[in-house]
N, C-alpha and C. Protein backbone atom coordinates (compact mmCIF):
# COMPACT_ATOMS: atom_id res chain seq x y z
N UNK A 1 48.21 -84.95 -170.33
CA UNK A 1 47.08 -85.30 -171.17
C UNK A 1 45.80 -85.23 -170.37
N UNK A 2 45.71 -85.90 -169.24
CA UNK A 2 44.48 -85.92 -168.46
C UNK A 2 44.29 -84.61 -167.71
N UNK A 3 45.36 -83.97 -167.27
CA UNK A 3 45.24 -82.73 -166.52
C UNK A 3 44.76 -81.57 -167.37
N UNK A 4 44.85 -81.67 -168.69
CA UNK A 4 44.47 -80.58 -169.58
C UNK A 4 43.00 -80.61 -169.97
N UNK A 5 42.21 -81.40 -169.30
CA UNK A 5 40.80 -81.51 -169.63
C UNK A 5 40.07 -80.27 -169.12
N UNK A 6 39.30 -79.60 -170.00
CA UNK A 6 38.56 -78.43 -169.54
C UNK A 6 37.50 -78.83 -168.54
N UNK A 7 37.27 -77.97 -167.58
CA UNK A 7 36.26 -78.31 -166.58
C UNK A 7 34.89 -77.83 -166.99
N UNK A 8 33.92 -78.56 -166.60
CA UNK A 8 32.53 -78.20 -166.79
C UNK A 8 31.95 -78.23 -165.38
N UNK A 9 31.64 -77.07 -164.82
CA UNK A 9 31.31 -76.96 -163.41
C UNK A 9 30.26 -77.94 -162.93
N UNK A 10 29.29 -78.26 -163.77
CA UNK A 10 28.24 -79.15 -163.32
C UNK A 10 28.70 -80.60 -163.21
N UNK A 11 29.83 -80.95 -163.84
CA UNK A 11 30.24 -82.33 -163.86
C UNK A 11 31.60 -82.58 -163.23
N UNK A 12 32.36 -81.53 -163.00
CA UNK A 12 33.68 -81.72 -162.44
C UNK A 12 33.86 -80.87 -161.21
N UNK A 13 34.66 -81.38 -160.32
CA UNK A 13 34.99 -80.60 -159.14
C UNK A 13 36.16 -79.68 -159.47
N UNK A 14 36.46 -78.69 -158.64
CA UNK A 14 37.47 -77.70 -158.96
C UNK A 14 38.84 -78.25 -159.33
N UNK A 15 39.28 -79.37 -158.81
CA UNK A 15 40.61 -79.88 -159.11
C UNK A 15 40.72 -80.56 -160.45
N UNK A 16 39.66 -80.58 -161.25
CA UNK A 16 39.70 -81.27 -162.52
C UNK A 16 39.23 -82.70 -162.41
N UNK A 17 39.09 -83.21 -161.19
CA UNK A 17 38.55 -84.55 -161.01
C UNK A 17 37.06 -84.52 -161.22
N UNK A 18 36.52 -85.62 -161.64
CA UNK A 18 35.09 -85.71 -161.89
C UNK A 18 34.35 -85.72 -160.57
N UNK A 19 33.26 -85.00 -160.52
CA UNK A 19 32.42 -84.95 -159.32
C UNK A 19 32.02 -86.38 -158.95
N UNK A 20 32.18 -86.74 -157.69
CA UNK A 20 31.92 -88.10 -157.25
C UNK A 20 30.47 -88.53 -157.46
N UNK A 21 29.57 -87.58 -157.57
CA UNK A 21 28.16 -87.93 -157.80
C UNK A 21 27.93 -88.47 -159.21
N UNK A 22 28.79 -88.11 -160.14
CA UNK A 22 28.61 -88.55 -161.53
C UNK A 22 29.43 -89.79 -161.86
N UNK A 23 30.37 -90.16 -160.98
CA UNK A 23 31.23 -91.33 -161.24
C UNK A 23 30.45 -92.61 -161.54
N UNK A 24 29.46 -92.97 -160.72
CA UNK A 24 28.74 -94.22 -161.01
C UNK A 24 28.04 -94.20 -162.37
N UNK A 25 27.53 -93.06 -162.76
CA UNK A 25 26.84 -92.96 -164.05
C UNK A 25 27.84 -93.09 -165.20
N UNK A 26 29.01 -92.47 -165.03
CA UNK A 26 30.05 -92.58 -166.06
C UNK A 26 30.56 -94.01 -166.15
N UNK A 27 30.75 -94.65 -165.02
CA UNK A 27 31.22 -96.04 -165.03
C UNK A 27 30.17 -96.94 -165.69
N UNK A 28 28.90 -96.64 -165.46
CA UNK A 28 27.83 -97.40 -166.11
C UNK A 28 27.89 -97.22 -167.62
N UNK A 29 28.18 -96.02 -168.08
CA UNK A 29 28.30 -95.76 -169.52
C UNK A 29 29.49 -96.52 -170.10
N UNK A 30 30.60 -96.56 -169.37
CA UNK A 30 31.76 -97.33 -169.82
C UNK A 30 31.38 -98.81 -169.93
N UNK A 31 30.65 -99.30 -168.95
CA UNK A 31 30.22 -100.70 -168.96
C UNK A 31 29.31 -100.98 -170.15
N UNK A 32 28.47 -100.03 -170.51
CA UNK A 32 27.59 -100.21 -171.66
C UNK A 32 28.41 -100.34 -172.95
N UNK A 33 29.45 -99.55 -173.09
CA UNK A 33 30.33 -99.67 -174.26
C UNK A 33 30.99 -101.05 -174.25
N UNK A 34 31.42 -101.50 -173.08
CA UNK A 34 32.03 -102.83 -172.98
C UNK A 34 31.03 -103.91 -173.39
N UNK A 35 29.78 -103.78 -172.97
CA UNK A 35 28.75 -104.76 -173.32
C UNK A 35 28.51 -104.80 -174.83
N UNK A 36 28.46 -103.63 -175.43
CA UNK A 36 28.25 -103.57 -176.89
C UNK A 36 29.43 -104.20 -177.61
N UNK A 37 30.63 -103.86 -177.18
CA UNK A 37 31.82 -104.45 -177.79
C UNK A 37 31.83 -105.96 -177.59
N UNK A 38 31.47 -106.42 -176.39
CA UNK A 38 31.40 -107.86 -176.12
C UNK A 38 30.46 -108.53 -177.12
N UNK A 39 29.27 -107.95 -177.31
CA UNK A 39 28.29 -108.54 -178.23
C UNK A 39 28.78 -108.61 -179.66
N UNK A 40 29.42 -107.54 -180.11
CA UNK A 40 29.92 -107.51 -181.49
C UNK A 40 31.10 -108.47 -181.66
N UNK A 41 31.97 -108.54 -180.69
CA UNK A 41 33.10 -109.46 -180.76
C UNK A 41 32.62 -110.90 -180.70
N UNK A 42 31.64 -111.16 -179.86
CA UNK A 42 31.09 -112.51 -179.75
C UNK A 42 30.52 -112.97 -181.09
N UNK A 43 29.79 -112.08 -181.77
CA UNK A 43 29.26 -112.40 -183.11
C UNK A 43 30.39 -112.71 -184.08
N UNK A 44 31.45 -111.90 -184.00
CA UNK A 44 32.60 -112.08 -184.89
C UNK A 44 33.28 -113.42 -184.65
N UNK A 45 33.34 -113.86 -183.40
CA UNK A 45 34.04 -115.10 -183.06
C UNK A 45 33.21 -116.36 -183.31
N UNK A 46 31.91 -116.20 -183.55
CA UNK A 46 31.04 -117.37 -183.69
C UNK A 46 31.52 -118.35 -184.75
N UNK A 47 32.00 -117.85 -185.87
CA UNK A 47 32.41 -118.72 -186.97
C UNK A 47 33.91 -118.91 -187.07
N UNK A 48 34.59 -118.51 -186.02
CA UNK A 48 36.05 -118.68 -185.99
C UNK A 48 36.41 -119.45 -184.72
N UNK A 49 37.65 -119.83 -184.63
CA UNK A 49 38.14 -120.59 -183.46
C UNK A 49 37.26 -121.81 -183.19
N UNK A 50 37.07 -122.60 -184.25
CA UNK A 50 36.23 -123.79 -184.14
C UNK A 50 36.79 -124.83 -183.19
N UNK A 51 38.05 -124.65 -182.79
CA UNK A 51 38.64 -125.57 -181.80
C UNK A 51 38.09 -125.32 -180.40
N UNK A 52 37.38 -124.20 -180.23
CA UNK A 52 36.83 -123.85 -178.92
C UNK A 52 35.34 -124.18 -178.86
N UNK A 53 34.89 -124.54 -177.67
CA UNK A 53 33.46 -124.78 -177.46
C UNK A 53 32.74 -123.42 -177.41
N UNK A 54 31.43 -123.46 -177.43
CA UNK A 54 30.65 -122.22 -177.32
C UNK A 54 30.98 -121.46 -176.04
N UNK A 55 31.10 -122.17 -174.94
CA UNK A 55 31.45 -121.54 -173.66
C UNK A 55 32.84 -120.92 -173.72
N UNK A 56 33.77 -121.64 -174.32
CA UNK A 56 35.13 -121.12 -174.42
C UNK A 56 35.20 -119.88 -175.31
N UNK A 57 34.34 -119.82 -176.33
CA UNK A 57 34.29 -118.62 -177.17
C UNK A 57 33.79 -117.42 -176.35
N UNK A 58 32.84 -117.66 -175.46
CA UNK A 58 32.38 -116.59 -174.57
C UNK A 58 33.51 -116.15 -173.64
N UNK A 59 34.26 -117.12 -173.13
CA UNK A 59 35.39 -116.79 -172.27
C UNK A 59 36.45 -116.02 -173.03
N UNK A 60 36.68 -116.42 -174.28
CA UNK A 60 37.64 -115.69 -175.12
C UNK A 60 37.18 -114.26 -175.33
N UNK A 61 35.91 -114.10 -175.64
CA UNK A 61 35.35 -112.76 -175.84
C UNK A 61 35.53 -111.93 -174.58
N UNK A 62 35.15 -112.48 -173.44
CA UNK A 62 35.31 -111.76 -172.17
C UNK A 62 36.75 -111.45 -171.86
N UNK A 63 37.64 -112.37 -172.18
CA UNK A 63 39.07 -112.15 -171.92
C UNK A 63 39.62 -111.01 -172.77
N UNK A 64 39.17 -110.91 -174.01
CA UNK A 64 39.61 -109.82 -174.88
C UNK A 64 39.10 -108.49 -174.35
N UNK A 65 37.83 -108.43 -173.99
CA UNK A 65 37.26 -107.19 -173.45
C UNK A 65 37.96 -106.81 -172.15
N UNK A 66 38.15 -107.78 -171.26
CA UNK A 66 38.84 -107.51 -170.00
C UNK A 66 40.26 -107.01 -170.24
N UNK A 67 40.96 -107.62 -171.17
CA UNK A 67 42.33 -107.20 -171.47
C UNK A 67 42.36 -105.78 -172.01
N UNK A 68 41.45 -105.47 -172.91
CA UNK A 68 41.42 -104.12 -173.49
C UNK A 68 41.17 -103.07 -172.41
N UNK A 69 40.28 -103.36 -171.47
CA UNK A 69 39.92 -102.39 -170.45
C UNK A 69 40.72 -102.57 -169.15
N UNK A 70 41.68 -103.46 -169.15
CA UNK A 70 42.54 -103.63 -167.97
C UNK A 70 41.82 -104.20 -166.78
N UNK A 71 40.81 -105.02 -167.02
CA UNK A 71 40.02 -105.61 -165.94
C UNK A 71 40.61 -106.97 -165.57
N UNK A 72 40.83 -107.17 -164.30
CA UNK A 72 41.36 -108.44 -163.80
C UNK A 72 40.18 -109.33 -163.42
N UNK A 73 40.17 -110.54 -163.95
CA UNK A 73 39.12 -111.49 -163.60
C UNK A 73 39.64 -112.38 -162.48
N UNK A 74 38.93 -112.43 -161.38
CA UNK A 74 39.36 -113.20 -160.22
C UNK A 74 38.87 -114.65 -160.22
N UNK A 75 38.09 -115.02 -161.23
CA UNK A 75 37.61 -116.39 -161.33
C UNK A 75 38.78 -117.28 -161.76
N UNK A 76 39.17 -118.26 -160.94
CA UNK A 76 40.33 -119.10 -161.28
C UNK A 76 40.19 -119.84 -162.61
N UNK A 77 38.98 -120.30 -162.92
CA UNK A 77 38.76 -121.03 -164.16
C UNK A 77 38.97 -120.11 -165.37
N UNK A 78 38.43 -118.90 -165.29
CA UNK A 78 38.59 -117.96 -166.39
C UNK A 78 40.02 -117.45 -166.50
N UNK A 79 40.66 -117.26 -165.37
CA UNK A 79 42.07 -116.85 -165.37
C UNK A 79 42.95 -117.92 -166.00
N UNK A 80 42.67 -119.17 -165.70
CA UNK A 80 43.43 -120.28 -166.29
C UNK A 80 43.20 -120.33 -167.80
N UNK A 81 41.94 -120.14 -168.22
CA UNK A 81 41.63 -120.11 -169.64
C UNK A 81 42.40 -118.98 -170.33
N UNK A 82 42.37 -117.79 -169.74
CA UNK A 82 43.05 -116.63 -170.33
C UNK A 82 44.56 -116.89 -170.41
N UNK A 83 45.12 -117.49 -169.40
CA UNK A 83 46.55 -117.81 -169.43
C UNK A 83 46.90 -118.79 -170.52
N UNK A 84 46.06 -119.79 -170.68
CA UNK A 84 46.28 -120.83 -171.69
C UNK A 84 46.14 -120.28 -173.11
N UNK A 85 45.27 -119.28 -173.28
CA UNK A 85 44.96 -118.75 -174.61
C UNK A 85 45.48 -117.32 -174.80
N UNK A 86 46.54 -116.98 -174.08
CA UNK A 86 47.08 -115.62 -174.12
C UNK A 86 47.41 -115.16 -175.54
N UNK A 87 48.01 -116.03 -176.34
CA UNK A 87 48.39 -115.66 -177.71
C UNK A 87 47.14 -115.36 -178.56
N UNK A 88 46.11 -116.16 -178.41
CA UNK A 88 44.87 -115.94 -179.15
C UNK A 88 44.24 -114.61 -178.72
N UNK A 89 44.24 -114.35 -177.43
CA UNK A 89 43.69 -113.09 -176.91
C UNK A 89 44.46 -111.92 -177.49
N UNK A 90 45.77 -112.01 -177.51
CA UNK A 90 46.59 -110.93 -178.07
C UNK A 90 46.33 -110.74 -179.56
N UNK A 91 46.15 -111.84 -180.30
CA UNK A 91 45.82 -111.73 -181.73
C UNK A 91 44.49 -111.01 -181.91
N UNK A 92 43.51 -111.35 -181.09
CA UNK A 92 42.20 -110.70 -181.18
C UNK A 92 42.30 -109.22 -180.82
N UNK A 93 43.10 -108.90 -179.81
CA UNK A 93 43.30 -107.49 -179.44
C UNK A 93 43.90 -106.70 -180.61
N UNK A 94 44.88 -107.30 -181.29
CA UNK A 94 45.53 -106.62 -182.41
C UNK A 94 44.58 -106.44 -183.60
N UNK A 95 43.53 -107.24 -183.68
CA UNK A 95 42.62 -107.16 -184.82
C UNK A 95 41.45 -106.18 -184.60
N UNK A 96 41.30 -105.65 -183.41
CA UNK A 96 40.16 -104.78 -183.10
C UNK A 96 40.09 -103.60 -184.05
N UNK A 97 41.22 -102.94 -184.28
CA UNK A 97 41.22 -101.72 -185.09
C UNK A 97 40.71 -101.97 -186.51
N UNK A 98 40.96 -103.17 -187.03
CA UNK A 98 40.53 -103.48 -188.40
C UNK A 98 39.12 -104.05 -188.46
N UNK A 99 38.73 -104.79 -187.44
CA UNK A 99 37.42 -105.45 -187.46
C UNK A 99 36.28 -104.59 -186.96
N UNK A 100 36.58 -103.61 -186.11
CA UNK A 100 35.52 -102.83 -185.48
C UNK A 100 35.77 -101.32 -185.60
N UNK A 101 36.03 -100.83 -186.80
CA UNK A 101 36.36 -99.40 -186.94
C UNK A 101 35.23 -98.48 -186.47
N UNK A 102 33.97 -98.92 -186.60
CA UNK A 102 32.85 -98.08 -186.18
C UNK A 102 32.77 -97.93 -184.67
N UNK A 103 33.38 -98.86 -183.94
CA UNK A 103 33.37 -98.80 -182.47
C UNK A 103 34.57 -98.06 -181.90
N UNK A 104 35.60 -97.82 -182.71
CA UNK A 104 36.82 -97.20 -182.19
C UNK A 104 36.59 -95.86 -181.49
N UNK A 105 35.76 -94.96 -182.04
CA UNK A 105 35.54 -93.70 -181.31
C UNK A 105 34.91 -93.93 -179.93
N UNK A 106 34.02 -94.89 -179.85
CA UNK A 106 33.34 -95.18 -178.58
C UNK A 106 34.27 -95.89 -177.60
N UNK A 107 35.08 -96.80 -178.13
CA UNK A 107 36.07 -97.46 -177.28
C UNK A 107 37.08 -96.44 -176.76
N UNK A 108 37.49 -95.52 -177.63
CA UNK A 108 38.42 -94.45 -177.24
C UNK A 108 37.84 -93.64 -176.09
N UNK A 109 36.61 -93.18 -176.26
CA UNK A 109 35.97 -92.37 -175.21
C UNK A 109 35.79 -93.17 -173.92
N UNK A 110 35.37 -94.42 -174.04
CA UNK A 110 35.15 -95.25 -172.85
C UNK A 110 36.46 -95.49 -172.10
N UNK A 111 37.52 -95.78 -172.83
CA UNK A 111 38.82 -95.99 -172.18
C UNK A 111 39.31 -94.72 -171.49
N UNK A 112 39.12 -93.59 -172.14
CA UNK A 112 39.54 -92.32 -171.53
C UNK A 112 38.70 -91.99 -170.30
N UNK A 113 37.40 -92.18 -170.40
CA UNK A 113 36.53 -91.89 -169.25
C UNK A 113 36.80 -92.84 -168.10
N UNK A 114 37.08 -94.10 -168.42
CA UNK A 114 37.45 -95.06 -167.38
C UNK A 114 38.70 -94.57 -166.66
N UNK A 115 39.66 -94.07 -167.43
CA UNK A 115 40.91 -93.57 -166.84
C UNK A 115 40.64 -92.37 -165.94
N UNK A 116 39.75 -91.48 -166.38
CA UNK A 116 39.40 -90.32 -165.55
C UNK A 116 38.71 -90.75 -164.25
N UNK A 117 37.78 -91.69 -164.37
CA UNK A 117 37.10 -92.20 -163.18
C UNK A 117 38.10 -92.87 -162.24
N UNK A 118 38.97 -93.68 -162.81
CA UNK A 118 39.97 -94.36 -162.00
C UNK A 118 40.89 -93.35 -161.31
N UNK A 119 41.30 -92.32 -162.04
CA UNK A 119 42.16 -91.29 -161.47
C UNK A 119 41.48 -90.62 -160.28
N UNK A 120 40.20 -90.34 -160.41
CA UNK A 120 39.44 -89.74 -159.33
C UNK A 120 39.42 -90.66 -158.11
N UNK A 121 39.41 -91.97 -158.36
CA UNK A 121 39.41 -92.96 -157.28
C UNK A 121 40.83 -93.32 -156.81
N UNK A 122 41.83 -92.65 -157.38
CA UNK A 122 43.21 -92.90 -156.97
C UNK A 122 43.85 -94.12 -157.62
N UNK A 123 43.29 -94.56 -158.74
CA UNK A 123 43.82 -95.73 -159.46
C UNK A 123 44.47 -95.25 -160.74
N UNK A 124 45.65 -95.75 -161.04
CA UNK A 124 46.36 -95.38 -162.26
C UNK A 124 46.06 -96.40 -163.35
N UNK A 125 45.21 -96.03 -164.31
CA UNK A 125 44.92 -96.94 -165.42
C UNK A 125 45.48 -96.40 -166.74
N UNK A 126 46.43 -95.49 -166.65
CA UNK A 126 47.08 -94.96 -167.85
C UNK A 126 47.72 -96.09 -168.67
N UNK A 127 48.31 -97.13 -168.04
CA UNK A 127 48.85 -98.22 -168.85
C UNK A 127 47.81 -98.85 -169.79
N UNK A 128 46.55 -98.87 -169.38
CA UNK A 128 45.49 -99.39 -170.25
C UNK A 128 45.36 -98.53 -171.50
N UNK A 129 45.42 -97.21 -171.32
CA UNK A 129 45.37 -96.30 -172.46
C UNK A 129 46.58 -96.50 -173.37
N UNK A 130 47.74 -96.66 -172.78
CA UNK A 130 48.96 -96.85 -173.56
C UNK A 130 48.88 -98.14 -174.39
N UNK A 131 48.34 -99.20 -173.79
CA UNK A 131 48.18 -100.45 -174.53
C UNK A 131 47.19 -100.26 -175.68
N UNK A 132 46.08 -99.55 -175.42
CA UNK A 132 45.09 -99.30 -176.47
C UNK A 132 45.72 -98.50 -177.62
N UNK A 133 46.59 -97.57 -177.27
CA UNK A 133 47.29 -96.79 -178.30
C UNK A 133 48.19 -97.71 -179.13
N UNK A 134 48.92 -98.59 -178.45
CA UNK A 134 49.80 -99.54 -179.15
C UNK A 134 49.01 -100.45 -180.08
N UNK A 135 47.80 -100.81 -179.68
CA UNK A 135 46.95 -101.69 -180.49
C UNK A 135 46.28 -100.95 -181.65
N UNK A 136 46.35 -99.62 -181.66
CA UNK A 136 45.69 -98.85 -182.70
C UNK A 136 44.21 -98.62 -182.41
N UNK A 137 43.79 -98.93 -181.20
CA UNK A 137 42.39 -98.75 -180.80
C UNK A 137 42.12 -97.32 -180.37
N UNK A 138 43.06 -96.71 -179.70
CA UNK A 138 42.90 -95.35 -179.18
C UNK A 138 43.08 -94.33 -180.30
N UNK A 139 42.05 -93.56 -180.55
CA UNK A 139 42.10 -92.52 -181.58
C UNK A 139 42.54 -91.23 -180.91
N UNK A 140 43.85 -91.01 -180.91
CA UNK A 140 44.41 -89.87 -180.19
C UNK A 140 43.97 -88.52 -180.75
N UNK A 141 43.67 -88.46 -182.03
CA UNK A 141 43.26 -87.19 -182.63
C UNK A 141 41.84 -86.79 -182.21
N UNK A 142 41.08 -87.73 -181.69
CA UNK A 142 39.72 -87.46 -181.24
C UNK A 142 39.76 -86.68 -179.94
N UNK A 143 39.01 -85.59 -179.88
CA UNK A 143 38.99 -84.80 -178.66
C UNK A 143 38.17 -85.51 -177.58
N UNK A 144 38.54 -85.26 -176.36
CA UNK A 144 37.87 -85.86 -175.21
C UNK A 144 36.53 -85.15 -174.99
N UNK A 145 35.43 -85.89 -174.99
CA UNK A 145 34.14 -85.25 -174.76
C UNK A 145 33.95 -84.91 -173.29
N UNK A 146 33.07 -84.00 -173.03
CA UNK A 146 32.66 -83.72 -171.65
C UNK A 146 31.87 -84.93 -171.17
N UNK A 147 31.83 -85.18 -169.88
CA UNK A 147 31.11 -86.35 -169.38
C UNK A 147 29.66 -86.45 -169.87
N UNK A 148 28.94 -85.34 -169.89
CA UNK A 148 27.54 -85.40 -170.33
C UNK A 148 27.45 -85.79 -171.80
N UNK A 149 28.34 -85.27 -172.62
CA UNK A 149 28.36 -85.60 -174.04
C UNK A 149 28.69 -87.08 -174.23
N UNK A 150 29.63 -87.58 -173.44
CA UNK A 150 29.98 -88.99 -173.49
C UNK A 150 28.77 -89.86 -173.15
N UNK A 151 28.08 -89.52 -172.08
CA UNK A 151 26.95 -90.34 -171.66
C UNK A 151 25.81 -90.30 -172.66
N UNK A 152 25.57 -89.15 -173.28
CA UNK A 152 24.54 -89.05 -174.32
C UNK A 152 24.93 -89.90 -175.52
N UNK A 153 26.20 -89.82 -175.92
CA UNK A 153 26.70 -90.61 -177.04
C UNK A 153 26.59 -92.10 -176.79
N UNK A 154 26.88 -92.52 -175.57
CA UNK A 154 26.79 -93.94 -175.23
C UNK A 154 25.34 -94.39 -175.25
N UNK A 155 24.46 -93.54 -174.77
CA UNK A 155 23.02 -93.88 -174.80
C UNK A 155 22.57 -94.09 -176.25
N UNK A 156 22.98 -93.18 -177.13
CA UNK A 156 22.62 -93.32 -178.56
C UNK A 156 23.21 -94.61 -179.14
N UNK A 157 24.43 -94.93 -178.76
CA UNK A 157 25.06 -96.16 -179.22
C UNK A 157 24.28 -97.37 -178.71
N UNK A 158 23.86 -97.31 -177.46
CA UNK A 158 23.08 -98.40 -176.88
C UNK A 158 21.76 -98.60 -177.60
N UNK A 159 21.12 -97.51 -178.00
CA UNK A 159 19.87 -97.59 -178.76
C UNK A 159 20.16 -98.21 -180.13
N UNK A 160 21.23 -97.75 -180.78
CA UNK A 160 21.59 -98.25 -182.11
C UNK A 160 21.82 -99.76 -182.09
N UNK A 161 22.47 -100.26 -181.04
CA UNK A 161 22.78 -101.68 -180.95
C UNK A 161 21.70 -102.47 -180.22
N UNK A 162 20.60 -101.81 -179.86
CA UNK A 162 19.47 -102.50 -179.24
C UNK A 162 19.71 -102.94 -177.80
N UNK A 163 20.66 -102.31 -177.13
CA UNK A 163 20.97 -102.67 -175.75
C UNK A 163 20.10 -101.87 -174.78
N UNK A 164 19.74 -100.66 -175.15
CA UNK A 164 18.83 -99.83 -174.34
C UNK A 164 17.72 -99.34 -175.25
N UNK A 165 16.58 -99.04 -174.65
CA UNK A 165 15.47 -98.54 -175.44
C UNK A 165 15.56 -97.02 -175.57
N UNK A 166 15.04 -96.53 -176.66
CA UNK A 166 15.08 -95.10 -176.91
C UNK A 166 13.99 -94.42 -176.09
N UNK A 167 14.37 -93.35 -175.42
CA UNK A 167 13.38 -92.57 -174.68
C UNK A 167 12.73 -91.59 -175.64
N UNK A 168 11.42 -91.52 -175.60
CA UNK A 168 10.77 -90.50 -176.42
C UNK A 168 10.38 -89.33 -175.52
N UNK A 169 9.96 -88.26 -176.12
CA UNK A 169 9.64 -87.03 -175.36
C UNK A 169 8.58 -87.28 -174.30
N UNK A 170 7.62 -88.15 -174.60
CA UNK A 170 6.56 -88.43 -173.65
C UNK A 170 7.10 -89.11 -172.39
N UNK A 171 8.07 -90.01 -172.55
CA UNK A 171 8.64 -90.72 -171.40
C UNK A 171 9.53 -89.82 -170.55
N UNK A 172 10.13 -88.82 -171.18
CA UNK A 172 11.10 -88.00 -170.45
C UNK A 172 10.50 -86.71 -169.90
N UNK A 173 9.28 -86.39 -170.25
CA UNK A 173 8.71 -85.14 -169.74
C UNK A 173 8.33 -85.29 -168.27
N UNK A 174 8.47 -84.21 -167.56
CA UNK A 174 8.13 -84.19 -166.14
C UNK A 174 6.63 -83.99 -166.01
N UNK A 175 6.00 -84.84 -165.28
CA UNK A 175 4.54 -84.76 -165.17
C UNK A 175 4.15 -84.06 -163.89
């Protein structure tokens, strides 16, 4: 699956791995998708799980995002919270496909790009993709975008959700 990605000389090195110069920018784009998802999930959780405090709802939101993207949180307090609320986190993970259908293409791309970046760094995050597929979050029929297309799409998503400002032609022209 990952080895069959077409190369784009300006963004990938000859072995199919992503050029190391673009890795930080791609990881930043993945993080932006995570931030947008965090914000939307946080809004969704505001009127639910009334047994949790406001802080605990933020922890729940973060735990769901971390679980989806395979991120390990090293904070003992947050790890203890996640362990205690594992069933709730799993329920929220299972509901993503139904509650956030407009974000699924972006989550799919971000998870795939994260896997490509991780592979370039020698980390195997394919299990994260497999879990996303099991949850119905990964849209397998969606083709994998080239890194530049992914980053442009994430920028547009960031503008749509008010996380980044839109660049106009005047700001982007070379003076």
